[in-house]
Amino acid sequence: LSSPDAHTAPDAGASRLAPDIDAASTTTTAAAPSSAPGADDALAAASSLAFGAASAADEAPAVPLKRPASFLATFKKLWSGEHLRSTVVLWVLWLGINLGYYGFVLWTPSLLMTQGFDMVRSFEFTLLMCVAQLPGYLCAAVLIEKAGRKPALTVFLVGTALAAWLFGHASSELTIIFSGCLLYFFALGAWGCVYSYTPELYPTSVRGAGTGWAAACGRVGALVAPMILPVLYSIGGTENGYTGVFIILTGVFLVVAIVVGIFGRETKGTPLYTE
């Protein structure tokens, strides 16, 4: 059996410890260091600056969002003022290069078959010509930075016209392959220049619209060319149709080259501008 003193001993010990704990707490609180000299002033200054910045931001006038121009207004802008020259040049360029390019690319195997080559041989020639497109793109990438956009594009267009003339007058397998490779080389080099040159002629406000409309005009040429070429061939007949088609294509590329060379603007080294 436990004695009554055993039950009361812990309470007595706790009561004896309580004054010691209170004394220790008082001592610790008294010993806590005060704030460093100047800390309160720095905190107050920082709070003041933050409050001032927030107030200035609240008082700043809201910048209204600029509503984009309407479809009709953008189209009119392309055909007025300083953009008229660029729009005319680009529409002629895109229409002519699509008309000429898809005029011979889609019909090359068939045209070769009219010259006495079988289907397999005609496609072999066409495949070799297509390989020449790759160095055409690479040369365009180098020349537009070295010589400039307009000179490089003009050279490739003139080269395409000359190659079309040679291809239309080629008679042997060797001359057909050689002139055909030149034709595809210069044509794809011209395409590489077109894609780089077109968006640089417009400011930011109409750059997308100007490029899009020029490309849409080119799609018209790509649509019409495959339908016109058989008609042109039938007019010349089996004797002169083949040569006549490529003489016309030569003229198309020459006209485009002249328009770009005379009326086109050089954009090499000029930063893109906004309005």
Protein backbone atom coordinates (compact mmCIF):
# COMPACT_ATOMS: atom_id res chain seq x y z
CA LEU A 1 0.00 0.00 0.00
CA SER A 2 1.25 3.46 -0.84
CA SER A 3 1.34 6.16 1.78
CA PRO A 4 -0.42 9.54 1.43
CA ASP A 5 3.00 11.25 1.28
CA ALA A 6 3.80 9.40 -1.98
CA HIS A 7 0.81 10.99 -3.67
CA THR A 8 1.58 14.55 -2.53
CA ALA A 9 5.36 14.48 -3.19
CA PRO A 10 5.19 15.23 -6.92
CA ASP A 11 2.96 18.24 -6.35
CA ALA A 12 5.37 19.61 -3.85
CA GLY A 13 8.31 19.10 -6.23
CA ALA A 14 6.43 20.80 -9.05
CA SER A 15 5.65 23.74 -6.83
CA ARG A 16 9.32 24.02 -5.95
CA LEU A 17 10.32 23.96 -9.67
CA ALA A 18 7.78 26.58 -10.76
CA PRO A 19 9.60 29.59 -9.26
CA ASP A 20 12.83 28.45 -10.91
CA ILE A 21 11.16 28.20 -14.37
CA ASP A 22 9.57 31.62 -13.99
CA ALA A 23 12.89 33.10 -12.98
CA ALA A 24 14.66 31.51 -15.94
CA SER A 25 12.02 32.82 -18.37
CA THR A 26 12.34 36.29 -16.94
CA THR A 27 16.10 36.14 -17.24
CA THR A 28 15.93 34.93 -20.88
CA THR A 29 13.51 37.64 -21.88
CA ALA A 30 15.63 40.29 -20.26
CA ALA A 31 18.74 38.94 -21.98
CA ALA A 32 17.20 38.98 -25.52
CA PRO A 33 19.10 41.54 -27.63
CA SER A 34 17.30 44.54 -28.98
CA SER A 35 17.09 45.36 -32.74
CA ALA A 36 20.33 46.40 -34.43
CA PRO A 37 20.87 50.13 -34.66
CA GLY A 38 19.28 51.55 -37.84
CA ALA A 39 17.34 48.35 -38.73
CA ASP A 40 14.02 49.97 -38.04
CA ASP A 41 14.93 52.96 -40.21
CA ALA A 42 15.98 50.71 -43.14
CA LEU A 43 12.78 48.70 -42.90
CA ALA A 44 10.71 51.85 -42.84
CA ALA A 45 12.55 53.21 -45.90
CA ALA A 46 12.03 49.97 -47.85
CA SER A 47 8.35 49.95 -47.00
CA SER A 48 8.05 53.55 -48.16
CA LEU A 49 9.71 52.80 -51.51
CA ALA A 50 7.50 49.77 -52.12
CA PHE A 51 4.40 51.79 -51.28
CA GLY A 52 5.51 54.58 -53.59
CA ALA A 53 6.11 52.17 -56.51
CA ALA A 54 2.71 50.59 -55.99
CA SER A 55 1.07 54.01 -55.92
CA ALA A 56 2.84 55.07 -59.12
CA ALA A 57 1.71 51.86 -60.84
CA ASP A 58 -1.86 52.48 -59.74
CA GLU A 59 -1.77 56.07 -60.98
CA ALA A 60 -0.17 55.21 -64.40
CA PRO A 61 -2.67 55.59 -67.26
CA ALA A 62 -3.78 52.37 -68.91
CA VAL A 63 -2.46 51.89 -72.46
CA PRO A 64 -5.40 51.09 -74.75
CA LEU A 65 -5.06 48.01 -76.95
CA LYS A 66 -4.79 48.81 -80.64
CA ARG A 67 -7.54 47.18 -82.63
CA PRO A 68 -6.23 45.36 -85.72
CA ALA A 69 -7.11 46.86 -89.06
CA SER A 70 -9.98 45.36 -91.00
CA PHE A 71 -9.51 43.07 -93.97
CA LEU A 72 -10.48 45.73 -96.48
CA ALA A 73 -8.36 48.43 -94.82
CA THR A 74 -5.28 46.20 -94.88
CA PHE A 75 -5.82 45.31 -98.54
CA LYS A 76 -6.17 48.99 -99.47
CA LYS A 77 -3.00 49.77 -97.57
CA LEU A 78 -1.05 47.28 -99.70
CA TRP A 79 -2.09 49.16 -102.86
CA SER A 80 -1.49 52.68 -101.64
CA GLY A 81 1.40 54.89 -100.66
CA GLU A 82 4.84 53.41 -100.22
CA HIS A 83 3.61 49.80 -100.41
CA LEU A 84 2.25 50.02 -103.98
CA ARG A 85 5.61 49.40 -105.62
CA SER A 86 6.42 46.38 -103.44
CA THR A 87 2.97 44.87 -103.96
CA VAL A 88 3.14 45.14 -107.75
CA VAL A 89 6.62 43.63 -107.87
CA LEU A 90 5.69 40.74 -105.56
CA TRP A 91 2.44 39.89 -107.32
CA VAL A 92 4.22 39.77 -110.69
CA LEU A 93 7.03 37.76 -109.14
CA TRP A 94 4.81 35.17 -107.45
CA LEU A 95 2.43 34.86 -110.40
CA GLY A 96 5.23 34.52 -112.95
CA ILE A 97 7.43 32.09 -111.04
CA ASN A 98 4.49 29.80 -110.24
CA LEU A 99 3.23 29.98 -113.80
CA GLY A 100 6.63 29.13 -115.23
CA TYR A 101 7.70 26.58 -112.63
CA TYR A 102 4.54 24.48 -112.61
CA GLY A 103 4.30 24.89 -116.34
CA PHE A 104 7.32 22.65 -116.91
CA VAL A 105 7.68 20.63 -113.70
CA LEU A 106 4.34 18.85 -113.91
CA TRP A 107 4.66 18.14 -117.64
CA THR A 108 8.35 17.30 -117.99
CA PRO A 109 7.92 13.50 -118.27
CA SER A 110 5.06 13.87 -120.75
CA LEU A 111 6.96 16.39 -122.84
CA LEU A 112 9.97 14.10 -122.96
CA MET A 113 7.75 11.26 -124.12
CA THR A 114 6.64 13.41 -127.07
CA GLN A 115 10.32 13.56 -128.02
CA GLY A 116 10.50 9.77 -128.42
CA PHE A 117 11.59 8.65 -124.94
CA ASP A 118 9.62 5.94 -123.19
CA MET A 119 7.95 6.53 -119.82
CA VAL A 120 10.68 4.90 -117.73
CA ARG A 121 13.43 6.86 -119.43
CA SER A 122 11.49 10.10 -119.12
CA PHE A 123 11.09 9.66 -115.37
CA GLU A 124 14.77 8.76 -115.02
CA PHE A 125 15.67 12.07 -116.62
CA THR A 126 13.21 13.91 -114.40
CA LEU A 127 14.67 12.29 -111.28
CA LEU A 128 18.17 13.41 -112.20
CA MET A 129 16.92 16.93 -112.78
CA CYS A 130 15.19 17.01 -109.39
CA VAL A 131 18.46 16.18 -107.65
CA ALA A 132 19.87 19.44 -109.04
CA GLN A 133 17.30 21.36 -107.00
CA LEU A 134 19.19 20.80 -103.74
CA PRO A 135 22.38 22.70 -104.69
CA GLY A 136 20.11 25.39 -106.14
CA TYR A 137 18.63 26.04 -102.71
CA LEU A 138 22.07 26.00 -101.08
CA CYS A 139 23.52 28.47 -103.57
CA ALA A 140 20.55 30.78 -103.02
CA ALA A 141 21.13 30.71 -99.26
CA VAL A 142 24.73 31.87 -99.81
CA LEU A 143 24.17 34.42 -102.57
CA ILE A 144 21.36 36.35 -100.88
CA GLU A 145 23.74 37.14 -98.02
CA LYS A 146 26.77 37.81 -100.20
CA ALA A 147 25.35 39.61 -103.24
CA GLY A 148 21.98 40.73 -101.87
CA ARG A 149 18.37 39.64 -102.26
CA LYS A 150 17.48 41.41 -105.49
CA PRO A 151 20.70 40.64 -107.42
CA ALA A 152 20.61 36.96 -106.43
CA LEU A 153 16.94 36.61 -107.36
CA THR A 154 17.48 38.35 -110.69
CA VAL A 155 20.42 36.09 -111.55
CA PHE A 156 18.44 32.95 -110.76
CA LEU A 157 15.46 34.13 -112.81
CA VAL A 158 17.64 34.95 -115.82
CA GLY A 159 19.40 31.60 -115.42
CA THR A 160 16.02 29.84 -115.37
CA ALA A 161 15.00 31.61 -118.57
CA LEU A 162 18.26 30.67 -120.31
CA ALA A 163 18.00 27.04 -119.13
CA ALA A 164 14.38 26.83 -120.36
CA TRP A 165 15.52 27.97 -123.80
CA LEU A 166 18.29 25.36 -123.87
CA PHE A 167 15.96 22.62 -122.66
CA GLY A 168 13.45 23.44 -125.38
CA HIS A 169 16.13 23.12 -128.07
CA ALA A 170 17.95 20.05 -126.65
CA SER A 171 17.96 17.01 -128.88
CA SER A 172 20.33 14.43 -127.40
CA GLU A 173 20.13 12.69 -124.03
CA LEU A 174 23.20 14.50 -122.77
CA THR A 175 21.93 17.97 -123.67
CA ILE A 176 18.48 17.19 -122.25
CA ILE A 177 19.92 16.07 -118.90
CA PHE A 178 22.38 18.96 -118.75
CA SER A 179 19.90 21.70 -119.64
CA GLY A 180 17.22 20.08 -117.48
CA CYS A 181 19.53 20.09 -114.45
CA LEU A 182 20.29 23.75 -115.08
CA LEU A 183 16.58 24.49 -115.36
CA TYR A 184 15.75 22.85 -112.03
CA PHE A 185 18.84 24.30 -110.35
CA PHE A 186 18.06 27.92 -111.24
CA ALA A 187 14.30 27.55 -110.70
CA LEU A 188 14.69 26.28 -107.13
CA GLY A 189 17.38 28.85 -106.42
CA ALA A 190 14.88 31.53 -107.44
CA TRP A 191 12.31 29.99 -105.08
CA GLY A 192 14.74 30.18 -102.20
CA CYS A 193 15.30 33.87 -102.84
CA VAL A 194 11.57 34.55 -103.16
CA TYR A 195 10.79 33.14 -99.72
CA SER A 196 13.51 35.28 -98.12
CA TYR A 197 12.83 38.44 -100.11
CA THR A 198 9.04 38.71 -99.88
CA PRO A 199 8.44 39.43 -96.15
CA GLU A 200 11.31 41.92 -95.99
CA LEU A 201 9.51 44.38 -98.27
CA TYR A 202 6.70 45.16 -95.82
CA PRO A 203 6.52 46.65 -92.31
CA THR A 204 5.17 44.63 -89.43
CA SER A 205 1.65 46.03 -89.69
CA VAL A 206 1.07 44.53 -93.17
CA ARG A 207 3.85 41.98 -93.46
CA GLY A 208 1.63 38.94 -92.99
CA ALA A 209 -1.11 40.27 -95.27
CA GLY A 210 1.33 41.35 -97.97
CA THR A 211 3.13 38.02 -98.00
CA GLY A 212 -0.13 36.09 -97.95
CA TRP A 213 -1.69 38.00 -100.83
CA ALA A 214 1.43 37.61 -102.96
CA ALA A 215 1.48 33.85 -102.30
CA ALA A 216 -2.24 33.63 -103.10
CA CYS A 217 -1.60 35.35 -106.41
CA GLY A 218 1.09 32.77 -107.07
CA ARG A 219 -1.37 29.95 -106.42
CA VAL A 220 -3.46 31.27 -109.28
CA GLY A 221 -0.47 30.81 -111.56
CA ALA A 222 0.16 27.33 -110.20
CA LEU A 223 -3.47 26.43 -110.89
CA VAL A 224 -3.60 27.84 -114.41
CA ALA A 225 -0.19 26.69 -115.69
CA PRO A 226 -0.89 22.93 -115.96
CA MET A 227 -4.06 23.66 -117.95
CA ILE A 228 -2.49 26.19 -120.31
CA LEU A 229 0.56 24.17 -121.28
CA PRO A 230 -1.28 21.38 -123.22
CA VAL A 231 -3.16 24.07 -125.15
CA LEU A 232 0.10 25.79 -126.07
CA TYR A 233 1.59 22.48 -127.12
CA SER A 234 -1.39 21.64 -129.33
CA ILE A 235 -1.10 25.03 -131.05
CA GLY A 236 2.47 24.31 -132.04
CA GLY A 237 1.76 20.71 -133.01
CA THR A 238 4.05 17.73 -132.65
CA GLU A 239 6.85 19.43 -134.58
CA ASN A 240 7.01 22.81 -132.86
CA GLY A 241 4.91 22.29 -129.73
CA TYR A 242 7.76 21.16 -127.49
CA THR A 243 10.08 24.00 -128.47
CA GLY A 244 7.27 26.55 -128.47
CA VAL A 245 6.27 25.73 -124.90
CA PHE A 246 9.73 26.39 -123.55
CA ILE A 247 10.14 29.56 -125.60
CA ILE A 248 7.02 30.91 -123.89
CA LEU A 249 8.34 29.82 -120.48
CA THR A 250 11.59 31.61 -121.29
CA GLY A 251 9.64 34.78 -121.94
CA VAL A 252 7.74 34.45 -118.65
CA PHE A 253 10.90 34.15 -116.57
CA LEU A 254 12.57 37.01 -118.44
CA VAL A 255 9.63 39.34 -117.80
CA VAL A 256 9.70 38.52 -114.09
CA ALA A 257 13.48 39.05 -113.96
CA ILE A 258 13.15 42.47 -115.61
CA VAL A 259 10.40 43.58 -113.22
CA VAL A 260 12.37 42.52 -110.16
CA GLY A 261 15.66 43.94 -111.47
CA ILE A 262 14.22 47.36 -112.32
CA PHE A 263 11.47 47.97 -109.78
CA GLY A 264 12.43 45.73 -106.85
CA ARG A 265 14.02 47.18 -103.70
CA GLU A 266 17.16 45.77 -102.12
CA THR A 267 16.66 44.71 -98.49
CA LYS A 268 20.06 43.31 -97.59
CA GLY A 269 21.36 44.79 -94.36
CA THR A 270 18.23 46.85 -93.72
CA PRO A 271 16.38 46.14 -90.46
CA LEU A 272 12.73 45.15 -90.53
CA TYR A 273 10.67 48.19 -89.68
CA THR A 274 7.32 48.84 -88.03
CA GLU A 275 4.70 51.53 -88.40
